[in-house]
Amino acid sequence: MAQQLVINILALIVTLGILVTIHEFGHFWVARRCGVKVLRFSIGFGKAVKTWVGRDGTEYVIAPIPLGGYVKMLGKEDASVADANSVPESEKHLSFSSKPIWQRMAIVAAGPVANFLLAIMVFWLLNVIYGLTGTAPILSNVVADSPAYKAGLRAGDELVAIDGVETSIWEQVTMQLLARLGETGDLNIQAVPAGAASPRDYVIPLQSWESDNAEPNPLGSLGFVQYEIPPVIEGVVAGGAAEASGLQAGDRILSAGNNAITGWVQWVELVRASPLVPLAVTVQRDTEVVIVMLTPQPGVAEDGSHIGVIGAYVREFDLYASLPEGSLRQVNYNVITAFLPALQETWDKSVFVLDSIKKMVVGLISVKNISGPITIAQVAGETASYGLEVYLGFLAVLSISLGVMNLLPIPVLDGGHLLYYAIEAVIRRPVPERVQAMGLQLGLLLISGIMVLAVYNDVSRLL
C-alpha cells in the first residue's frame, strides 16, 4: 500500500512536470521569438526549491507543487492585465503589451499548441516503435436480454463499423461508443455474423445513455463481452462462502441454478446478484462433475449497493495465447507514414475531449466524470507499471486534455486571453481593465469550483 502510494505520487510529479514544462515552454519559446523579455520561467507553485538566472537574464524557478507553472513577461502581469506604465522607457520595445495583437495571440496560444504537439510526437513515436496493435472486435459473448442481444448481435460476430466509422480493433470500438455517451438516438452498428462473409446492419436505441453513470462502461452496458475469461477458480478465501460450500482451487464452474456459466464475468455477476440465495453449482473437478450448494454472503459494493460475495478469485488468464488465429492485428509504420495517423489520433481525441466537456455543461453526462490530481496520480502510477507504451499513451491523452481545457474561453485560462485579444482586434482597443478584472474574478471562481468538484470526485472514489 505504502509502496503504491509512493509510486503514484512520483508518477503524478513526473507526469504533471512534463506537461507543465512543455506547456510553459511553448509560451516562453514564442515570446522570445517575438522579442518579448521573459522575467521568470517557473515550473510548479510554492516556495522555490531551485532558482538560477540564465545567460538570457531570465530567472528559472522549480517549485514543489507540480500543479501548474507560469512565464512572467515584461509588461504582462500574471493576471493578464497589461501593466505598461511600470515598464522603463528603454525596455518598452521588449514588453508584451507593446507587441502587435497577432504576436500576443501567438504567445498565448503557444502553450496549448505545445501540448498538442507533444501528443502528436508521442503518438508518432508509439506508431514508429510499436505500430497499431490490437485485437479484432469479435464478440466472445453477448449478454442475454441486453440491448446488443435484442438487436440481434451474437457471439462470434465481428464489429466492423460504429456509426459509419470503421473499427478494426477493440480500442476503436470503445472510442466510438464513448463519443455517444449521454445521447439519445440510434446507435448504428455494422457487424459480420459468425460464419458469414458480408456485414449486416444492427440498430441499438439509446436513451440518455449512461448519462448518470460516474464510471460509464459502454461495452458492458450494451451487453458486449470482449473476452471470455474461463470460470476457473484459482483459490478460495478462508472462512468465505466458497470454502464452506466445498469449492476448490482448479474447479471450473459449469452452471449455477438454471444458468450455464461460460465466463468468469457472468459468474461474478450471478454471485453479486444472489446474496443469501442458495445456488446449486455444478463444477468440473479434474475428471469428475461435482455439485455443491453455495450461498453467497451479503456484501456492499463500492457504490453502496448490496451484493453477494463468496471469497474466491480467478485463475490467471493469458489472453493472447487464447485468441483465435487472425484475431491479433498489427499495422507497422515508418518514420514518415507514422505521422498522419498520429495527427489524426490527436485530432480525434481533442474533439472527443471537447465534446465531453460540452455534454457535461448541458447535463448529458455526469460531472462525476471530472477527475482531479488524486485520480491522475492513481492512473499515472498504474499505467507506469504496465510499461512505457501504456504510460506514454496516457501522457499524450492528458496533454490533449490540458491543451483543450486551456483553450476554453474562460478568463485566467489561455482561451480567455485569446478571447480578449479577439475582441480587441474587432473594437480596435484593449478590453477595459475593469472588465478584465471582473472576468478574472469570475474565471477564478469557476476554475476553483471545478477543482473543488474534481477533488471531491477523487475522494468519493476512494471512499
Protein backbone atom coordinates (compact mmCIF):
# COMPACT_ATOMS: atom_id res chain seq x y z
CA MET A 1 0.00 0.00 0.00
CA ALA A 2 2.72 2.48 1.04
CA GLN A 3 4.85 1.48 -1.93
CA GLN A 4 1.98 2.02 -4.36
CA LEU A 5 1.28 5.43 -2.79
CA VAL A 6 4.90 6.45 -3.34
CA ILE A 7 4.73 5.22 -6.97
CA ASN A 8 1.52 7.17 -7.56
CA ILE A 9 2.97 10.38 -6.11
CA LEU A 10 6.17 10.06 -8.13
CA ALA A 11 4.17 9.29 -11.29
CA LEU A 12 1.99 12.38 -10.66
CA ILE A 13 5.03 14.61 -10.21
CA VAL A 14 6.74 13.29 -13.32
CA THR A 15 3.58 13.41 -15.44
CA LEU A 16 2.47 16.89 -14.46
CA GLY A 17 6.07 18.08 -14.54
CA ILE A 18 6.39 17.03 -18.18
CA LEU A 19 3.05 18.53 -19.20
CA VAL A 20 3.53 21.82 -17.37
CA THR A 21 7.10 22.23 -18.65
CA ILE A 22 6.04 21.63 -22.25
CA HIS A 23 3.07 24.00 -21.90
CA GLU A 24 5.05 26.84 -20.36
CA PHE A 25 7.98 26.30 -22.72
CA GLY A 26 5.55 26.92 -25.59
CA HIS A 27 4.73 30.36 -24.17
CA PHE A 28 8.42 31.02 -23.40
CA TRP A 29 9.76 29.98 -26.81
CA VAL A 30 7.27 32.03 -28.85
CA ALA A 31 7.63 35.04 -26.53
CA ARG A 32 11.39 35.03 -27.05
CA ARG A 33 10.95 34.71 -30.83
CA CYS A 34 8.62 37.71 -30.75
CA GLY A 35 11.20 39.79 -28.90
CA VAL A 36 9.50 39.80 -25.51
CA LYS A 37 11.70 39.90 -22.42
CA VAL A 38 10.92 36.95 -20.14
CA LEU A 39 11.48 37.76 -16.48
CA ARG A 40 10.73 34.37 -14.94
CA PHE A 41 10.06 30.81 -16.08
CA SER A 42 8.54 28.83 -13.20
CA ILE A 43 7.63 25.16 -13.07
CA GLY A 44 5.39 24.46 -10.08
CA PHE A 45 3.97 26.68 -7.36
CA GLY A 46 5.03 27.46 -3.83
CA LYS A 47 8.39 28.44 -2.34
CA ALA A 48 11.17 27.86 -4.84
CA VAL A 49 13.25 24.72 -4.41
CA LYS A 50 15.79 25.75 -7.03
CA THR A 51 16.40 29.08 -8.81
CA TRP A 52 19.04 30.28 -11.23
CA VAL A 53 19.46 33.09 -13.74
CA GLY A 54 20.26 32.13 -17.29
CA ARG A 55 22.54 33.98 -19.69
CA ASP A 56 19.40 35.43 -21.26
CA GLY A 57 18.58 37.20 -17.98
CA THR A 58 15.56 35.00 -17.27
CA GLU A 59 15.09 33.69 -13.73
CA TYR A 60 14.35 29.96 -13.84
CA VAL A 61 12.40 28.51 -10.90
CA ILE A 62 11.49 24.99 -9.80
CA ALA A 63 8.80 24.91 -7.08
CA PRO A 64 7.44 21.92 -5.12
CA ILE A 65 3.73 21.94 -6.09
CA PRO A 66 3.56 20.46 -9.62
CA LEU A 67 0.00 21.59 -10.41
CA GLY A 68 0.99 24.37 -12.78
CA GLY A 69 3.58 26.96 -13.72
CA TYR A 70 3.90 30.33 -15.36
CA VAL A 71 6.01 32.52 -17.61
CA LYS A 72 6.31 36.10 -16.37
CA MET A 73 6.92 38.56 -19.20
CA LEU A 74 7.84 42.21 -19.14
CA GLY A 75 4.70 44.35 -19.33
CA LYS A 76 2.28 41.49 -18.68
CA GLU A 77 1.06 40.69 -15.21
CA ASP A 78 0.21 37.10 -14.33
CA ALA A 79 -3.45 38.10 -14.07
CA SER A 80 -3.46 39.00 -17.79
CA VAL A 81 -3.92 42.79 -17.33
CA ALA A 82 -1.12 44.69 -19.05
CA ASP A 83 0.90 46.98 -16.82
CA ALA A 84 2.62 49.08 -19.43
CA ASN A 85 3.17 52.05 -17.11
CA SER A 86 5.68 50.12 -14.96
CA VAL A 87 7.96 49.31 -17.92
CA PRO A 88 11.04 51.53 -18.29
CA GLU A 89 11.03 53.58 -21.49
CA SER A 90 14.26 51.93 -22.63
CA GLU A 91 12.64 48.46 -22.48
CA LYS A 92 9.16 49.19 -23.77
CA HIS A 93 10.01 47.62 -27.09
CA LEU A 94 10.71 44.38 -25.18
CA SER A 95 7.37 44.36 -23.33
CA PHE A 96 4.49 42.04 -24.08
CA SER A 97 2.00 44.91 -24.25
CA SER A 98 4.00 46.70 -26.97
CA LYS A 99 3.73 43.82 -29.41
CA PRO A 100 1.18 43.60 -32.23
CA ILE A 101 -2.01 41.78 -31.36
CA TRP A 102 -1.18 38.80 -33.60
CA GLN A 103 2.09 38.27 -31.70
CA ARG A 104 0.34 38.46 -28.33
CA MET A 105 -2.22 35.92 -29.52
CA ALA A 106 0.57 33.66 -30.80
CA ILE A 107 2.37 33.80 -27.44
CA VAL A 108 -0.79 32.94 -25.52
CA ALA A 109 -1.83 30.15 -27.91
CA ALA A 110 1.65 28.61 -27.88
CA GLY A 111 1.11 26.82 -24.56
CA PRO A 112 -1.87 24.71 -25.66
CA VAL A 113 -0.29 24.23 -29.10
CA ALA A 114 2.81 22.82 -27.40
CA ASN A 115 0.59 20.30 -25.59
CA PHE A 116 -0.95 19.20 -28.90
CA LEU A 117 2.49 18.93 -30.49
CA LEU A 118 3.64 16.77 -27.57
CA ALA A 119 0.67 14.44 -28.14
CA ILE A 120 1.42 14.22 -31.87
CA MET A 121 5.07 13.47 -31.15
CA VAL A 122 4.18 10.77 -28.60
CA PHE A 123 1.65 9.11 -30.91
CA TRP A 124 4.17 9.30 -33.76
CA LEU A 125 6.83 7.67 -31.58
CA LEU A 126 4.43 4.92 -30.48
CA ASN A 127 3.46 4.28 -34.11
CA VAL A 128 7.11 4.01 -35.18
CA ILE A 129 8.15 1.74 -32.30
CA TYR A 130 5.05 -0.36 -31.71
CA GLY A 131 2.75 0.29 -34.65
CA LEU A 132 -1.00 -0.10 -34.27
CA THR A 133 -1.63 -3.21 -32.23
CA GLY A 134 -4.96 -4.58 -31.09
CA THR A 135 -7.37 -7.46 -31.20
CA ALA A 136 -10.18 -7.87 -33.67
CA PRO A 137 -13.55 -6.74 -32.24
CA ILE A 138 -15.09 -10.20 -32.31
CA LEU A 139 -17.73 -10.75 -29.64
CA SER A 140 -16.81 -13.58 -27.32
CA ASN A 141 -20.33 -13.43 -25.98
CA VAL A 142 -23.42 -11.23 -25.79
CA VAL A 143 -25.29 -10.95 -22.52
CA ALA A 144 -28.82 -12.39 -22.81
CA ASP A 145 -31.59 -9.75 -22.96
CA SER A 146 -29.03 -6.95 -23.28
CA PRO A 147 -29.51 -4.15 -25.87
CA ALA A 148 -27.00 -5.80 -28.20
CA TYR A 149 -28.71 -9.20 -27.84
CA LYS A 150 -32.13 -7.68 -28.59
CA ALA A 151 -30.66 -6.01 -31.68
CA GLY A 152 -29.61 -9.44 -32.96
CA LEU A 153 -25.89 -9.49 -32.23
CA ARG A 154 -24.47 -12.82 -31.10
CA ALA A 155 -21.21 -14.46 -30.00
CA GLY A 156 -18.72 -14.68 -32.86
CA ASP A 157 -19.97 -11.56 -34.65
CA GLU A 158 -17.24 -9.09 -35.67
CA LEU A 159 -17.96 -5.37 -35.29
CA VAL A 160 -16.66 -3.67 -38.45
CA ALA A 161 -18.18 -0.18 -38.11
CA ILE A 162 -19.87 2.01 -35.49
CA ASP A 163 -21.98 4.89 -36.80
CA GLY A 164 -20.27 4.53 -40.17
CA VAL A 165 -16.72 4.69 -38.78
CA GLU A 166 -14.56 1.63 -39.48
CA THR A 167 -13.46 -0.34 -36.42
CA SER A 168 -10.69 -2.86 -36.92
CA ILE A 169 -9.65 -3.23 -33.25
CA TRP A 170 -11.45 -3.05 -29.90
CA GLU A 171 -9.93 0.33 -28.98
CA GLN A 172 -11.64 1.93 -31.96
CA VAL A 173 -14.97 0.39 -30.95
CA THR A 174 -14.61 1.79 -27.45
CA MET A 175 -13.75 5.30 -28.68
CA GLN A 176 -16.77 5.38 -30.99
CA LEU A 177 -19.06 4.24 -28.19
CA LEU A 178 -17.63 6.76 -25.73
CA ALA A 179 -18.47 9.50 -28.22
CA ARG A 180 -22.17 8.59 -27.86
CA LEU A 181 -22.34 8.76 -24.04
CA GLY A 182 -25.30 10.72 -22.75
CA GLU A 183 -27.03 10.78 -26.13
CA THR A 184 -30.50 9.75 -27.27
CA GLY A 185 -30.98 8.19 -30.67
CA ASP A 186 -29.97 5.15 -32.70
CA LEU A 187 -26.54 3.55 -32.44
CA ASN A 188 -25.82 2.07 -35.86
CA ILE A 189 -23.56 -0.97 -35.95
CA GLN A 190 -22.23 -2.97 -38.85
CA ALA A 191 -21.11 -6.48 -37.99
CA VAL A 192 -20.18 -9.62 -39.85
CA PRO A 193 -22.13 -12.52 -38.29
CA ALA A 194 -20.13 -15.58 -37.29
CA GLY A 195 -19.58 -17.74 -40.36
CA ALA A 196 -20.86 -15.08 -42.78
CA ALA A 197 -18.90 -13.23 -45.45
CA SER A 198 -20.69 -9.87 -45.60
CA PRO A 199 -21.75 -7.42 -42.87
CA ARG A 200 -25.26 -6.77 -41.61
CA ASP A 201 -26.72 -3.63 -40.07
CA TYR A 202 -27.88 -3.56 -36.46
CA VAL A 203 -29.57 -0.71 -34.60
CA ILE A 204 -29.49 -0.19 -30.83
CA PRO A 205 -31.75 2.59 -29.50
CA LEU A 206 -30.13 4.86 -26.89
CA GLN A 207 -31.95 6.93 -24.28
CA SER A 208 -29.73 9.37 -22.29
CA TRP A 209 -27.21 6.56 -22.49
CA GLU A 210 -25.09 6.21 -19.31
CA SER A 211 -25.78 9.89 -18.51
CA ASP A 212 -25.91 9.36 -14.74
CA ASN A 213 -23.09 6.84 -14.52
CA ALA A 214 -19.95 8.18 -12.82
CA GLU A 215 -17.89 5.35 -14.32
CA PRO A 216 -19.53 4.51 -17.66
CA ASN A 217 -18.90 1.09 -19.16
CA PRO A 218 -20.05 1.41 -22.78
CA LEU A 219 -19.24 -2.16 -23.80
CA GLY A 220 -20.77 -3.76 -20.72
CA SER A 221 -23.91 -1.64 -20.73
CA LEU A 222 -24.69 -2.78 -24.28
CA GLY A 223 -24.02 -6.42 -23.42
CA PHE A 224 -20.78 -6.81 -25.38
CA VAL A 225 -18.32 -9.32 -23.95
CA GLN A 226 -14.84 -8.80 -25.38
CA TYR A 227 -13.10 -11.79 -23.89
CA GLU A 228 -14.42 -14.78 -22.03
CA ILE A 229 -12.19 -15.35 -19.02
CA PRO A 230 -12.57 -19.05 -18.18
CA PRO A 231 -14.62 -19.51 -14.98
CA VAL A 232 -11.84 -21.41 -13.22
CA ILE A 233 -11.20 -20.85 -9.52
CA GLU A 234 -7.57 -20.24 -8.59
CA GLY A 235 -8.20 -20.22 -4.84
CA VAL A 236 -10.71 -19.57 -2.08
CA VAL A 237 -10.56 -17.25 0.93
CA ALA A 238 -10.51 -18.89 4.34
CA GLY A 239 -13.85 -18.52 6.09
CA GLY A 240 -15.71 -17.47 2.94
CA ALA A 241 -18.82 -18.96 1.39
CA ALA A 242 -16.79 -20.66 -1.36
CA GLU A 243 -14.71 -22.58 1.18
CA ALA A 244 -17.81 -23.51 3.21
CA SER A 245 -19.53 -24.92 0.11
CA GLY A 246 -16.59 -27.13 -0.78
CA LEU A 247 -15.37 -25.24 -3.86
CA GLN A 248 -11.68 -25.88 -4.51
CA ALA A 249 -8.80 -24.43 -6.48
CA GLY A 250 -8.97 -25.69 -10.05
CA ASP A 251 -12.76 -26.07 -10.14
CA ARG A 252 -14.31 -24.90 -13.42
CA ILE A 253 -17.85 -23.56 -12.99
CA LEU A 254 -20.21 -25.20 -15.46
CA SER A 255 -23.57 -23.97 -14.22
CA ALA A 256 -25.31 -22.34 -11.27
CA GLY A 257 -29.01 -22.93 -10.76
CA ASN A 258 -30.56 -22.93 -14.23
CA ASN A 259 -27.78 -20.80 -15.74
CA ALA A 260 -24.98 -22.27 -17.85
CA ILE A 261 -21.76 -20.41 -16.99
CA THR A 262 -19.48 -19.66 -19.94
CA GLY A 263 -17.19 -16.98 -18.46
CA TRP A 264 -15.89 -15.56 -15.19
CA VAL A 265 -17.65 -12.20 -15.64
CA GLN A 266 -21.01 -13.95 -15.99
CA TRP A 267 -20.24 -15.98 -12.86
CA VAL A 268 -19.33 -12.89 -10.85
CA GLU A 269 -22.48 -11.07 -11.96
CA LEU A 270 -24.63 -14.03 -10.90
CA VAL A 271 -22.95 -14.23 -7.48
CA ARG A 272 -23.26 -10.47 -6.92
CA ALA A 273 -26.96 -10.62 -7.76
CA SER A 274 -27.62 -13.51 -5.33
CA PRO A 275 -26.85 -12.52 -1.72
CA LEU A 276 -28.20 -15.18 0.69
CA VAL A 277 -29.69 -17.11 -2.26
CA PRO A 278 -28.79 -20.85 -2.23
CA LEU A 279 -27.28 -21.90 -5.58
CA ALA A 280 -26.71 -25.42 -6.84
CA VAL A 281 -23.34 -25.05 -8.56
CA THR A 282 -22.02 -27.67 -10.97
CA VAL A 283 -18.25 -27.76 -11.40
CA GLN A 284 -15.72 -29.73 -13.39
CA ARG A 285 -13.10 -31.07 -10.94
CA ASP A 286 -10.37 -32.95 -12.78
CA THR A 287 -12.31 -35.77 -14.49
CA GLU A 288 -15.39 -35.52 -12.25
CA VAL A 289 -18.51 -33.37 -12.34
CA VAL A 290 -19.42 -32.25 -8.83
CA ILE A 291 -22.44 -30.36 -7.50
CA VAL A 292 -22.03 -28.13 -4.44
CA MET A 293 -24.53 -25.91 -2.60
CA LEU A 294 -23.31 -22.32 -2.40
CA THR A 295 -24.96 -19.40 -0.58
CA PRO A 296 -23.24 -16.06 -1.29
CA GLN A 297 -22.72 -13.94 1.81
CA PRO A 298 -24.07 -10.37 1.86
CA GLY A 299 -21.59 -7.64 1.00
CA VAL A 300 -21.53 -3.98 -0.04
CA ALA A 301 -20.26 -2.74 -3.42
CA GLU A 302 -18.28 0.46 -3.96
CA ASP A 303 -21.47 2.34 -4.84
CA GLY A 304 -23.18 1.22 -1.60
CA SER A 305 -25.45 -1.40 -3.19
CA HIS A 306 -25.89 -4.82 -1.55
CA ILE A 307 -24.26 -7.72 -3.36
CA GLY A 308 -23.33 -11.34 -2.85
CA VAL A 309 -19.73 -12.37 -2.18
CA ILE A 310 -18.18 -15.84 -1.88
CA GLY A 311 -14.45 -15.30 -1.35
CA ALA A 312 -12.93 -16.84 -4.47
CA TYR A 313 -10.58 -15.49 -7.12
CA VAL A 314 -9.98 -16.29 -10.75
CA ARG A 315 -7.08 -18.20 -12.28
CA GLU A 316 -4.63 -16.08 -14.27
CA PHE A 317 -5.58 -15.95 -17.92
CA ASP A 318 -3.24 -15.47 -20.90
CA LEU A 319 -5.45 -13.54 -23.29
CA TYR A 320 -3.17 -13.51 -26.33
CA ALA A 321 -2.47 -17.23 -26.10
CA SER A 322 -6.21 -17.91 -26.14
CA LEU A 323 -7.10 -15.74 -29.14
CA PRO A 324 -8.21 -17.45 -32.35
CA GLU A 325 -5.79 -17.26 -35.26
CA GLY A 326 -6.03 -13.91 -37.03
CA SER A 327 -7.52 -12.04 -34.05
CA LEU A 328 -4.32 -10.15 -33.26
CA ARG A 329 -3.91 -7.26 -35.68
CA GLN A 330 -0.74 -5.26 -36.28
CA VAL A 331 -0.10 -2.30 -38.58
CA ASN A 332 3.52 -1.17 -38.87
CA TYR A 333 4.66 2.36 -39.76
CA ASN A 334 7.93 4.02 -40.68
CA VAL A 335 9.04 7.48 -39.59
CA ILE A 336 7.09 9.09 -42.44
CA THR A 337 3.88 7.05 -42.57
CA ALA A 338 3.54 7.26 -38.75
CA PHE A 339 2.84 11.00 -38.86
CA LEU A 340 -0.65 11.15 -40.38
CA PRO A 341 -2.14 8.53 -38.00
CA ALA A 342 -0.59 10.45 -35.08
CA LEU A 343 -2.11 13.68 -36.32
CA GLN A 344 -5.49 12.02 -36.83
CA GLU A 345 -5.46 10.45 -33.36
CA THR A 346 -4.62 13.78 -31.74
CA TRP A 347 -7.45 15.46 -33.63
CA ASP A 348 -9.97 12.72 -32.80
CA LYS A 349 -9.14 12.75 -29.10
CA SER A 350 -9.22 16.56 -28.99
CA VAL A 351 -12.71 16.54 -30.49
CA PHE A 352 -13.73 13.83 -28.03
CA VAL A 353 -12.50 15.84 -25.01
CA LEU A 354 -14.24 18.99 -26.25
CA ASP A 355 -17.46 17.09 -26.93
CA SER A 356 -17.32 15.51 -23.45
CA ILE A 357 -16.95 18.96 -21.86
CA LYS A 358 -19.95 20.19 -23.81
CA LYS A 359 -22.01 17.20 -22.69
CA MET A 360 -21.10 17.85 -19.05
CA VAL A 361 -22.11 21.51 -19.38
CA VAL A 362 -25.53 20.67 -20.86
CA GLY A 363 -26.05 17.73 -18.47
CA LEU A 364 -25.87 14.84 -20.94
CA ILE A 365 -23.18 13.09 -18.91
CA SER A 366 -22.40 13.21 -15.22
CA VAL A 367 -19.95 15.79 -13.81
CA LYS A 368 -18.74 12.91 -11.62
CA ASN A 369 -16.50 12.05 -14.57
CA ILE A 370 -14.33 15.09 -13.80
CA SER A 371 -11.09 13.86 -12.25
CA GLY A 372 -8.51 15.64 -10.11
CA PRO A 373 -4.91 15.08 -9.03
CA ILE A 374 -5.68 12.00 -6.92
CA THR A 375 -7.20 10.09 -9.84
CA ILE A 376 -4.46 11.32 -12.17
CA ALA A 377 -1.86 10.06 -9.70
CA GLN A 378 -3.53 6.65 -9.49
CA VAL A 379 -3.86 6.27 -13.26
CA ALA A 380 -0.34 7.55 -13.85
CA GLY A 381 1.03 5.04 -11.33
CA GLU A 382 -0.94 2.17 -12.85
CA THR A 383 -0.02 2.99 -16.45
CA ALA A 384 3.65 3.38 -15.48
CA SER A 385 3.57 -0.12 -14.00
CA TYR A 386 2.06 -1.51 -17.24
CA GLY A 387 5.03 -0.35 -19.30
CA LEU A 388 6.32 2.57 -21.33
CA GLU A 389 3.84 2.14 -24.20
CA VAL A 390 0.77 2.43 -21.96
CA TYR A 391 2.21 5.30 -19.91
CA LEU A 392 3.14 7.33 -22.99
CA GLY A 393 -0.36 6.85 -24.38
CA PHE A 394 -1.82 8.15 -21.12
CA LEU A 395 0.60 11.10 -21.16
CA ALA A 396 -0.49 12.02 -24.69
CA VAL A 397 -4.20 11.92 -23.81
CA LEU A 398 -3.60 14.02 -20.69
CA SER A 399 -1.61 16.52 -22.76
CA ILE A 400 -4.50 16.80 -25.20
CA SER A 401 -6.93 17.36 -22.32
CA LEU A 402 -4.69 20.11 -20.92
CA GLY A 403 -4.47 21.77 -24.32
CA VAL A 404 -8.23 21.70 -24.89
CA MET A 405 -9.03 22.91 -21.37
CA ASN A 406 -6.64 25.85 -21.68
CA LEU A 407 -8.28 26.96 -24.92
CA LEU A 408 -11.71 27.29 -23.31
CA PRO A 409 -12.82 30.97 -23.34
CA ILE A 410 -12.57 31.32 -19.56
CA PRO A 411 -10.69 34.29 -18.07
CA VAL A 412 -7.49 33.13 -16.33
CA LEU A 413 -7.00 30.41 -18.96
CA ASP A 414 -5.21 30.97 -22.26
CA GLY A 415 -8.52 30.80 -24.08
CA GLY A 416 -9.82 33.73 -22.01
CA HIS A 417 -6.80 35.84 -23.02
CA LEU A 418 -7.36 34.90 -26.66
CA LEU A 419 -11.00 35.99 -26.32
CA TYR A 420 -9.92 39.40 -25.02
CA TYR A 421 -7.45 39.84 -27.86
CA ALA A 422 -10.06 38.80 -30.43
CA ILE A 423 -12.41 41.44 -29.04
CA GLU A 424 -9.56 43.95 -29.14
CA ALA A 425 -8.95 43.12 -32.79
CA VAL A 426 -12.60 43.85 -33.57
CA ILE A 427 -13.12 47.02 -31.49
CA ARG A 428 -9.52 48.22 -32.13
CA ARG A 429 -8.80 48.99 -28.48
CA PRO A 430 -7.99 46.84 -25.46
CA VAL A 431 -10.81 45.44 -23.37
CA PRO A 432 -11.21 47.82 -20.40
CA GLU A 433 -9.17 46.75 -17.38
CA ARG A 434 -12.30 46.89 -15.22
CA VAL A 435 -13.98 44.31 -17.47
CA GLN A 436 -10.83 42.15 -17.44
CA ALA A 437 -10.70 42.34 -13.63
CA MET A 438 -14.33 41.24 -13.38
CA GLY A 439 -13.65 38.43 -15.82
CA LEU A 440 -10.65 37.41 -13.76
CA GLN A 441 -12.77 37.09 -10.63
CA LEU A 442 -15.42 35.07 -12.45
CA GLY A 443 -12.77 32.85 -14.04
CA LEU A 444 -11.06 32.21 -10.72
CA LEU A 445 -14.42 31.34 -9.15
CA LEU A 446 -15.27 28.94 -11.98
CA ILE A 447 -11.85 27.24 -12.04
CA SER A 448 -11.83 26.98 -8.24
CA GLY A 449 -15.27 25.36 -8.35
CA ILE A 450 -14.12 22.85 -10.96
CA MET A 451 -11.02 22.00 -8.90
CA VAL A 452 -13.12 21.50 -5.75
CA LEU A 453 -15.51 19.25 -7.69
CA ALA A 454 -12.60 17.27 -9.16
CA VAL A 455 -11.03 16.69 -5.74
CA TYR A 456 -14.45 15.80 -4.28
CA ASN A 457 -14.93 13.22 -7.04
CA ASP A 458 -11.44 11.84 -6.37
CA VAL A 459 -12.15 11.44 -2.65
CA SER A 460 -15.59 9.93 -3.33
CA ARG A 461 -13.98 7.24 -5.48
CA LEU A 462 -11.66 6.34 -2.63
CA LEU A 463 -14.42 6.04 -0.01
